[in-house]
Amino acid sequence: MAPGKDVTARDGDLLALAVEAHGGLRRWRELTSITVRLSLGGETCHEKGWAGVLHEMVVTVDPHAQRAWFAPFTAPERRGLFTPDRVAIETAGGDLIAERIDPRMAFDSLDIGARWDALHLAYFVGCTLWTCLTVPFVLTEPGFVTDELDPWREDGATWRRLRALFPTHVASHGSDQVFYLGPEGLLRRHDYTVEIAGDAPIGLYTDEHQIYGGISFPTLRRAVRRQPDGTTDPDPALLTIDISRITTSTSGRAS
């Protein structure tokens, strides 16, 4: 992606506050890769036929272009690759096992309750994790439109809300998303609609922010069903993301 607009935390600009709270654009633009050790689970994995297979993955994303690699993926000695235009499964040595061009189109013919094959799963995992690891910085890129909504009160806390319209060239779960930010600007909740899963409305809660390479990342995420009035059902957890370690690289150096 091309460099986006410069933002500074002045005049009450919520996106600027969020960017500064998570480490600032200058530091973000120095990153060349983000590598994360995590486990991914939840009811969605169970319903789609992949319960228990996404534990202790190592995921690497390009922070400035939609590319992700993750291993082990669905079996030992296999890895998955994600871009908006292609997903693939390879051996650990790089031999191609399977691939799918225009992977999002493959969801169109599925019934809501249908199970996913490994390439469906690769698209879902890549799309989910790339967005999770690049927000809020990606929202400053060309094509994104942001606007502050009315504040939201939940469990005694008041969160400011940033609505973001995603451009069509960015693969994400839905084009219209809302980010809830605490007084310090850190992400606390993320609302979106999973278009590839029957337009399921989701509220994803973020917690346990930790700093790696100068960037603040939530290390615990839990997605639940969102009701039309904006409230959420606490159970079941549709998706859980538990991060144990993050390494960032800048021009060949890891931190």
Foldseek 3Di string as FASTA:
>chain_A
DDDFDAADCPPPDLLNLQQVLFFHPVLVVLFQKKKFFKAKAADQCVLQVRHPQRHGKIKMAGLPFQKMKIPPANDHQKIWIDHCFKIFIAGVVGHTDDMDGNLLVVLPPDDLSYHDDSRVVSHVVSQVVSVQVNPPVCCRHPPKDKDWDDWDDDPRFIWTKIWIAHHPNRDHQARIKMFTAHPSNHTAWIWDFRVSNVRFTKIKGFDDWDDESSGTHGQWIFIFGADPVGDTDPDDGHMIMGTDDMWTDGPHRID
